[in-house]
């Protein structure tokens, strides 16, 4: 049994909903156990209130928080983050900044990882994902983009997130977000990650 961690940071539930869909897609693959967790929030309550995040975060308050120490227990990862000026959020950055020992020891080398995100402004989706990849590359992880696995990212009938880099969602607009097209891209991305994890579990690079 291979084990995947879907780890997200969310304020307004959009990334959380994408994370659920990624987990759903990954669970559809035989021999895969999926764990859904969130990163511990580091932003002060006063900032969360100004960002209208307090109510939204209550929606997924039941989702347990991950610890850096547990990362080696997983065979693959799906990381979800809101965009912050075209980059991952400070909270997600803080969590990953604590993984330096794994970098030094090569602990996560070869383990497949994929990234998804959401934006409230309509910009920064692709750069958030591709800049996230820098951290994965330093760990020697196998980066898994969404690629052309689904036609959902090519649907031009309306404004939707999603690209060959990864699933994404707009945090505003109609219909309510994430749209079904955005959620379908996330499900396909989760399944694609799980299929690769299932093949690569036996591969462990030693340094």
C-alpha atoms as a PDB file:
ATOM      1  CA  UNK A   1       0.000   0.000   0.000  1.00  0.00           C
ATOM      2  CA  UNK A   2       1.398   3.374  -1.050  1.00  0.00           C
ATOM      3  CA  UNK A   3       0.613   6.473   0.988  1.00  0.00           C
ATOM      4  CA  UNK A   4      -0.019   9.995  -0.326  1.00  0.00           C
ATOM      5  CA  UNK A   5      -0.294  13.184   1.711  1.00  0.00           C
ATOM      6  CA  UNK A   6      -2.568  15.899   0.335  1.00  0.00           C
ATOM      7  CA  UNK A   7      -1.355  18.935   2.262  1.00  0.00           C
ATOM      8  CA  UNK A   8      -3.039  22.290   1.877  1.00  0.00           C
ATOM      9  CA  UNK A   9      -3.226  25.824   3.202  1.00  0.00           C
ATOM     10  CA  UNK A  10      -6.497  27.679   2.752  1.00  0.00           C
ATOM     11  CA  UNK A  11      -8.253  30.788   3.978  1.00  0.00           C
ATOM     12  CA  UNK A  12     -11.497  30.967   2.031  1.00  0.00           C
ATOM     13  CA  UNK A  13     -12.112  27.206   1.411  1.00  0.00           C
ATOM     14  CA  UNK A  14     -11.171  27.257  -2.289  1.00  0.00           C
ATOM     15  CA  UNK A  15      -7.863  25.419  -1.894  1.00  0.00           C
ATOM     16  CA  UNK A  16      -9.498  23.099   0.635  1.00  0.00           C
ATOM     17  CA  UNK A  17     -12.174  22.119  -1.897  1.00  0.00           C
ATOM     18  CA  UNK A  18      -9.525  21.504  -4.537  1.00  0.00           C
ATOM     19  CA  UNK A  19      -7.615  19.395  -1.994  1.00  0.00           C
ATOM     20  CA  UNK A  20     -10.702  17.254  -1.409  1.00  0.00           C
ATOM     21  CA  UNK A  21     -10.987  16.640  -5.134  1.00  0.00           C
ATOM     22  CA  UNK A  22      -7.287  15.809  -5.467  1.00  0.00           C
ATOM     23  CA  UNK A  23      -7.711  13.308  -2.631  1.00  0.00           C
ATOM     24  CA  UNK A  24     -10.814  11.869  -4.292  1.00  0.00           C
ATOM     25  CA  UNK A  25      -8.937  11.300  -7.545  1.00  0.00           C
ATOM     26  CA  UNK A  26      -5.972   9.708  -5.807  1.00  0.00           C
ATOM     27  CA  UNK A  27      -8.189   7.403  -3.749  1.00  0.00           C
ATOM     28  CA  UNK A  28      -9.688   5.981  -6.956  1.00  0.00           C
ATOM     29  CA  UNK A  29      -6.372   4.250  -7.699  1.00  0.00           C
ATOM     30  CA  UNK A  30      -6.019   0.775  -6.213  1.00  0.00           C
ATOM     31  CA  UNK A  31      -3.339   0.309  -3.588  1.00  0.00           C
ATOM     32  CA  UNK A  32      -3.248   3.970  -2.570  1.00  0.00           C
ATOM     33  CA  UNK A  33      -3.968   5.355   0.891  1.00  0.00           C
ATOM     34  CA  UNK A  34      -4.663   9.094   0.933  1.00  0.00           C
ATOM     35  CA  UNK A  35      -4.279  11.349   3.964  1.00  0.00           C
ATOM     36  CA  UNK A  36      -5.706  14.883   3.874  1.00  0.00           C
ATOM     37  CA  UNK A  37      -4.089  17.416   6.210  1.00  0.00           C
ATOM     38  CA  UNK A  38      -3.552  21.164   6.515  1.00  0.00           C
ATOM     39  CA  UNK A  39      -0.449  23.120   7.454  1.00  0.00           C
ATOM     40  CA  UNK A  40      -0.466  24.865  10.849  1.00  0.00           C
ATOM     41  CA  UNK A  41      -1.532  28.497  10.450  1.00  0.00           C
ATOM     42  CA  UNK A  42       1.077  31.073  11.451  1.00  0.00           C
ATOM     43  CA  UNK A  43      -0.792  34.259  10.512  1.00  0.00           C
ATOM     44  CA  UNK A  44      -2.178  36.260  13.504  1.00  0.00           C
ATOM     45  CA  UNK A  45      -5.904  36.146  14.155  1.00  0.00           C
ATOM     46  CA  UNK A  46      -6.200  39.882  13.477  1.00  0.00           C
ATOM     47  CA  UNK A  47      -4.840  39.385   9.953  1.00  0.00           C
ATOM     48  CA  UNK A  48      -7.166  36.444   9.356  1.00  0.00           C
ATOM     49  CA  UNK A  49     -10.090  38.643  10.362  1.00  0.00           C
ATOM     50  CA  UNK A  50      -9.046  41.398   7.946  1.00  0.00           C
ATOM     51  CA  UNK A  51      -8.657  38.804   5.236  1.00  0.00           C
ATOM     52  CA  UNK A  52     -12.146  37.444   5.944  1.00  0.00           C
ATOM     53  CA  UNK A  53     -10.610  34.039   6.595  1.00  0.00           C
ATOM     54  CA  UNK A  54     -11.939  33.265  10.071  1.00  0.00           C
ATOM     55  CA  UNK A  55     -15.330  31.959   8.938  1.00  0.00           C
ATOM     56  CA  UNK A  56     -13.889  30.120   5.975  1.00  0.00           C
ATOM     57  CA  UNK A  57     -11.368  28.255   8.093  1.00  0.00           C
ATOM     58  CA  UNK A  58     -14.147  26.935  10.330  1.00  0.00           C
ATOM     59  CA  UNK A  59     -15.287  24.844   7.347  1.00  0.00           C
ATOM     60  CA  UNK A  60     -12.210  22.638   7.520  1.00  0.00           C
ATOM     61  CA  UNK A  61     -11.322  23.003  11.205  1.00  0.00           C
ATOM     62  CA  UNK A  62     -11.850  19.249  11.543  1.00  0.00           C
ATOM     63  CA  UNK A  63      -8.957  18.499   9.186  1.00  0.00           C
ATOM     64  CA  UNK A  64      -5.860  17.617  11.239  1.00  0.00           C
ATOM     65  CA  UNK A  65      -2.651  19.589  10.992  1.00  0.00           C
ATOM     66  CA  UNK A  66       0.462  17.983   9.560  1.00  0.00           C
ATOM     67  CA  UNK A  67       3.870  17.960  11.182  1.00  0.00           C
ATOM     68  CA  UNK A  68       7.189  18.205   9.394  1.00  0.00           C
ATOM     69  CA  UNK A  69       8.319  15.073  11.214  1.00  0.00           C
ATOM     70  CA  UNK A  70       5.753  12.875   9.467  1.00  0.00           C
ATOM     71  CA  UNK A  71       6.738  13.710   5.875  1.00  0.00           C
ATOM     72  CA  UNK A  72       9.107  10.731   5.438  1.00  0.00           C
ATOM     73  CA  UNK A  73       6.126   8.423   6.098  1.00  0.00           C
ATOM     74  CA  UNK A  74       4.610   9.265   2.700  1.00  0.00           C
ATOM     75  CA  UNK A  75       5.411   7.970  -0.774  1.00  0.00           C
ATOM     76  CA  UNK A  76       4.007  11.008  -2.597  1.00  0.00           C
ATOM     77  CA  UNK A  77       2.655  14.492  -2.023  1.00  0.00           C
ATOM     78  CA  UNK A  78       0.051  16.924  -3.356  1.00  0.00           C
ATOM     79  CA  UNK A  79       0.576  20.479  -2.113  1.00  0.00           C
ATOM     80  CA  UNK A  80      -2.170  23.107  -2.273  1.00  0.00           C
ATOM     81  CA  UNK A  81      -1.726  26.804  -1.579  1.00  0.00           C
ATOM     82  CA  UNK A  82      -3.419  30.148  -2.227  1.00  0.00           C
ATOM     83  CA  UNK A  83      -1.425  32.569  -4.333  1.00  0.00           C
ATOM     84  CA  UNK A  84       0.468  35.328  -2.600  1.00  0.00           C
ATOM     85  CA  UNK A  85       1.861  37.775  -5.151  1.00  0.00           C
ATOM     86  CA  UNK A  86       2.494  34.912  -7.567  1.00  0.00           C
ATOM     87  CA  UNK A  87       4.045  32.659  -4.935  1.00  0.00           C
ATOM     88  CA  UNK A  88       2.941  30.180  -2.289  1.00  0.00           C
ATOM     89  CA  UNK A  89       1.512  31.544   0.949  1.00  0.00           C
ATOM     90  CA  UNK A  90       3.695  32.505   3.908  1.00  0.00           C
ATOM     91  CA  UNK A  91       2.166  29.704   5.948  1.00  0.00           C
ATOM     92  CA  UNK A  92       3.059  27.046   3.389  1.00  0.00           C
ATOM     93  CA  UNK A  93       6.511  28.604   2.957  1.00  0.00           C
ATOM     94  CA  UNK A  94       7.105  28.451   6.710  1.00  0.00           C
ATOM     95  CA  UNK A  95       6.199  24.767   6.799  1.00  0.00           C
ATOM     96  CA  UNK A  96       8.526  23.866   3.946  1.00  0.00           C
ATOM     97  CA  UNK A  97      11.342  25.988   5.374  1.00  0.00           C
ATOM     98  CA  UNK A  98      11.449  23.514   8.251  1.00  0.00           C
ATOM     99  CA  UNK A  99      12.414  20.620   5.954  1.00  0.00           C
ATOM    100  CA  UNK A 100      16.092  21.537   5.639  1.00  0.00           C
ATOM    101  CA  UNK A 101      17.273  18.368   7.356  1.00  0.00           C
ATOM    102  CA  UNK A 102      15.456  16.246   4.768  1.00  0.00           C
ATOM    103  CA  UNK A 103      17.212  18.228   2.040  1.00  0.00           C
ATOM    104  CA  UNK A 104      20.601  17.639   3.669  1.00  0.00           C
ATOM    105  CA  UNK A 105      19.946  13.925   4.086  1.00  0.00           C
ATOM    106  CA  UNK A 106      18.215  13.383   0.747  1.00  0.00           C
ATOM    107  CA  UNK A 107      15.210  11.932   2.532  1.00  0.00           C
ATOM    108  CA  UNK A 108      12.593  12.878  -0.073  1.00  0.00           C
ATOM    109  CA  UNK A 109      14.604  12.227  -3.232  1.00  0.00           C
ATOM    110  CA  UNK A 110      12.520  10.641  -5.973  1.00  0.00           C
ATOM    111  CA  UNK A 111       9.161  10.938  -4.258  1.00  0.00           C
ATOM    112  CA  UNK A 112       6.480  12.225  -6.643  1.00  0.00           C
ATOM    113  CA  UNK A 113       4.864  15.572  -5.825  1.00  0.00           C
ATOM    114  CA  UNK A 114       2.309  17.804  -7.499  1.00  0.00           C
ATOM    115  CA  UNK A 115       0.981  21.328  -6.803  1.00  0.00           C
ATOM    116  CA  UNK A 116      -2.415  23.043  -7.074  1.00  0.00           C
ATOM    117  CA  UNK A 117      -3.562  26.528  -6.057  1.00  0.00           C
ATOM    118  CA  UNK A 118      -6.210  29.248  -6.034  1.00  0.00           C
ATOM    119  CA  UNK A 119      -6.216  32.988  -6.616  1.00  0.00           C
ATOM    120  CA  UNK A 120      -8.549  35.763  -5.573  1.00  0.00           C
ATOM    121  CA  UNK A 121      -7.342  38.241  -8.194  1.00  0.00           C
ATOM    122  CA  UNK A 122      -7.238  36.173 -11.370  1.00  0.00           C
ATOM    123  CA  UNK A 123      -3.438  36.352 -11.526  1.00  0.00           C
ATOM    124  CA  UNK A 124      -0.483  34.360 -10.271  1.00  0.00           C
ATOM    125  CA  UNK A 125      -1.820  30.848 -10.744  1.00  0.00           C
ATOM    126  CA  UNK A 126       0.903  29.498 -13.002  1.00  0.00           C
ATOM    127  CA  UNK A 127       3.789  31.284 -11.295  1.00  0.00           C
ATOM    128  CA  UNK A 128       2.611  30.041  -7.907  1.00  0.00           C
ATOM    129  CA  UNK A 129       2.841  26.455  -9.128  1.00  0.00           C
ATOM    130  CA  UNK A 130       6.100  26.765 -11.053  1.00  0.00           C
ATOM    131  CA  UNK A 131       7.840  28.710  -8.272  1.00  0.00           C
ATOM    132  CA  UNK A 132       6.670  26.033  -5.814  1.00  0.00           C
ATOM    133  CA  UNK A 133       8.526  23.511  -7.946  1.00  0.00           C
ATOM    134  CA  UNK A 134      11.831  25.130  -6.935  1.00  0.00           C
ATOM    135  CA  UNK A 135      11.470  23.711  -3.429  1.00  0.00           C
ATOM    136  CA  UNK A 136      10.512  20.281  -4.748  1.00  0.00           C
ATOM    137  CA  UNK A 137      13.542  20.274  -7.035  1.00  0.00           C
ATOM    138  CA  UNK A 138      15.884  21.063  -4.147  1.00  0.00           C
ATOM    139  CA  UNK A 139      14.517  17.990  -2.397  1.00  0.00           C
ATOM    140  CA  UNK A 140      15.085  15.938  -5.541  1.00  0.00           C
ATOM    141  CA  UNK A 141      11.415  15.059  -5.728  1.00  0.00           C
ATOM    142  CA  UNK A 142       9.796  13.888  -8.959  1.00  0.00           C
ATOM    143  CA  UNK A 143       7.639  16.807 -10.092  1.00  0.00           C
ATOM    144  CA  UNK A 144       4.277  15.721 -11.500  1.00  0.00           C
ATOM    145  CA  UNK A 145       2.430  18.386 -13.539  1.00  0.00           C
ATOM    146  CA  UNK A 146      -1.189  17.986 -14.563  1.00  0.00           C
ATOM    147  CA  UNK A 147      -0.140  18.047 -18.211  1.00  0.00           C
ATOM    148  CA  UNK A 148      -2.706  17.141 -20.904  1.00  0.00           C
ATOM    149  CA  UNK A 149      -4.400  14.467 -18.770  1.00  0.00           C
ATOM    150  CA  UNK A 150      -7.757  16.242 -18.953  1.00  0.00           C
ATOM    151  CA  UNK A 151      -9.622  18.403 -21.428  1.00  0.00           C
ATOM    152  CA  UNK A 152     -10.992  20.426 -18.497  1.00  0.00           C
ATOM    153  CA  UNK A 153      -8.088  22.885 -18.713  1.00  0.00           C
ATOM    154  CA  UNK A 154      -8.867  23.491 -22.393  1.00  0.00           C
ATOM    155  CA  UNK A 155     -12.525  24.402 -21.862  1.00  0.00           C
ATOM    156  CA  UNK A 156     -12.973  27.932 -23.176  1.00  0.00           C
ATOM    157  CA  UNK A 157     -16.709  28.229 -22.496  1.00  0.00           C
ATOM    158  CA  UNK A 158     -16.019  30.299 -19.378  1.00  0.00           C
ATOM    159  CA  UNK A 159     -13.314  31.593 -17.076  1.00  0.00           C
ATOM    160  CA  UNK A 160     -11.745  28.697 -15.217  1.00  0.00           C
ATOM    161  CA  UNK A 161      -8.431  27.970 -13.580  1.00  0.00           C
ATOM    162  CA  UNK A 162      -6.209  25.057 -14.454  1.00  0.00           C
ATOM    163  CA  UNK A 163      -3.250  24.655 -16.782  1.00  0.00           C
ATOM    164  CA  UNK A 164      -0.697  22.004 -17.790  1.00  0.00           C
ATOM    165  CA  UNK A 165       1.177  22.951 -14.598  1.00  0.00           C
ATOM    166  CA  UNK A 166      -1.620  22.017 -12.232  1.00  0.00           C
ATOM    167  CA  UNK A 167      -5.230  22.423 -11.163  1.00  0.00           C
ATOM    168  CA  UNK A 168      -6.223  25.841  -9.899  1.00  0.00           C
ATOM    169  CA  UNK A 169      -9.320  27.884  -9.133  1.00  0.00           C
ATOM    170  CA  UNK A 170     -10.546  31.429  -9.161  1.00  0.00           C
ATOM    171  CA  UNK A 171     -11.847  32.515  -5.773  1.00  0.00           C
ATOM    172  CA  UNK A 172     -14.551  34.768  -7.199  1.00  0.00           C
ATOM    173  CA  UNK A 173     -17.070  34.833  -9.997  1.00  0.00           C
ATOM    174  CA  UNK A 174     -19.992  32.774 -11.184  1.00  0.00           C
ATOM    175  CA  UNK A 175     -20.773  29.895 -10.896  1.00  0.00           C
ATOM    176  CA  UNK A 176     -19.641  29.388  -7.292  1.00  0.00           C
ATOM    177  CA  UNK A 177     -15.984  28.480  -7.036  1.00  0.00           C
ATOM    178  CA  UNK A 178     -14.263  26.187  -7.514  1.00  0.00           C
ATOM    179  CA  UNK A 179     -16.275  25.365 -10.630  1.00  0.00           C
ATOM    180  CA  UNK A 180     -16.941  21.766 -11.628  1.00  0.00           C
ATOM    181  CA  UNK A 181     -14.350  22.154 -14.388  1.00  0.00           C
ATOM    182  CA  UNK A 182     -11.758  23.234 -11.820  1.00  0.00           C
ATOM    183  CA  UNK A 183     -12.675  20.371  -9.477  1.00  0.00           C
ATOM    184  CA  UNK A 184     -12.480  17.830 -12.303  1.00  0.00           C
ATOM    185  CA  UNK A 185      -8.957  18.985 -13.139  1.00  0.00           C
ATOM    186  CA  UNK A 186      -8.035  18.462  -9.479  1.00  0.00           C
ATOM    187  CA  UNK A 187      -9.484  14.940  -9.469  1.00  0.00           C
ATOM    188  CA  UNK A 188      -7.542  14.025 -12.591  1.00  0.00           C
ATOM    189  CA  UNK A 189      -4.375  15.500 -11.117  1.00  0.00           C
ATOM    190  CA  UNK A 190      -4.803  13.428  -7.957  1.00  0.00           C
ATOM    191  CA  UNK A 191      -5.332  10.264  -9.966  1.00  0.00           C
ATOM    192  CA  UNK A 192      -2.282  10.979 -12.117  1.00  0.00           C
ATOM    193  CA  UNK A 193      -0.132  11.481  -9.035  1.00  0.00           C
ATOM    194  CA  UNK A 194      -1.399   8.254  -7.467  1.00  0.00           C
ATOM    195  CA  UNK A 195      -0.675   6.230 -10.590  1.00  0.00           C
ATOM    196  CA  UNK A 196       2.926   7.460 -10.609  1.00  0.00           C
ATOM    197  CA  UNK A 197       3.353   6.901  -6.868  1.00  0.00           C
ATOM    198  CA  UNK A 198       2.156   3.323  -7.291  1.00  0.00           C
ATOM    199  CA  UNK A 199       4.850   2.661  -9.866  1.00  0.00           C
ATOM    200  CA  UNK A 200       7.690   4.474  -8.099  1.00  0.00           C
ATOM    201  CA  UNK A 201       7.296   3.357  -4.482  1.00  0.00           C
ATOM    202  CA  UNK A 202      10.025   0.741  -4.851  1.00  0.00           C
ATOM    203  CA  UNK A 203      12.454   3.417  -6.042  1.00  0.00           C
ATOM    204  CA  UNK A 204      14.471   5.065  -3.295  1.00  0.00           C
ATOM    205  CA  UNK A 205      17.573   7.032  -4.155  1.00  0.00           C
ATOM    206  CA  UNK A 206      20.439   6.731  -1.707  1.00  0.00           C
ATOM    207  CA  UNK A 207      23.069   9.441  -1.261  1.00  0.00           C
END
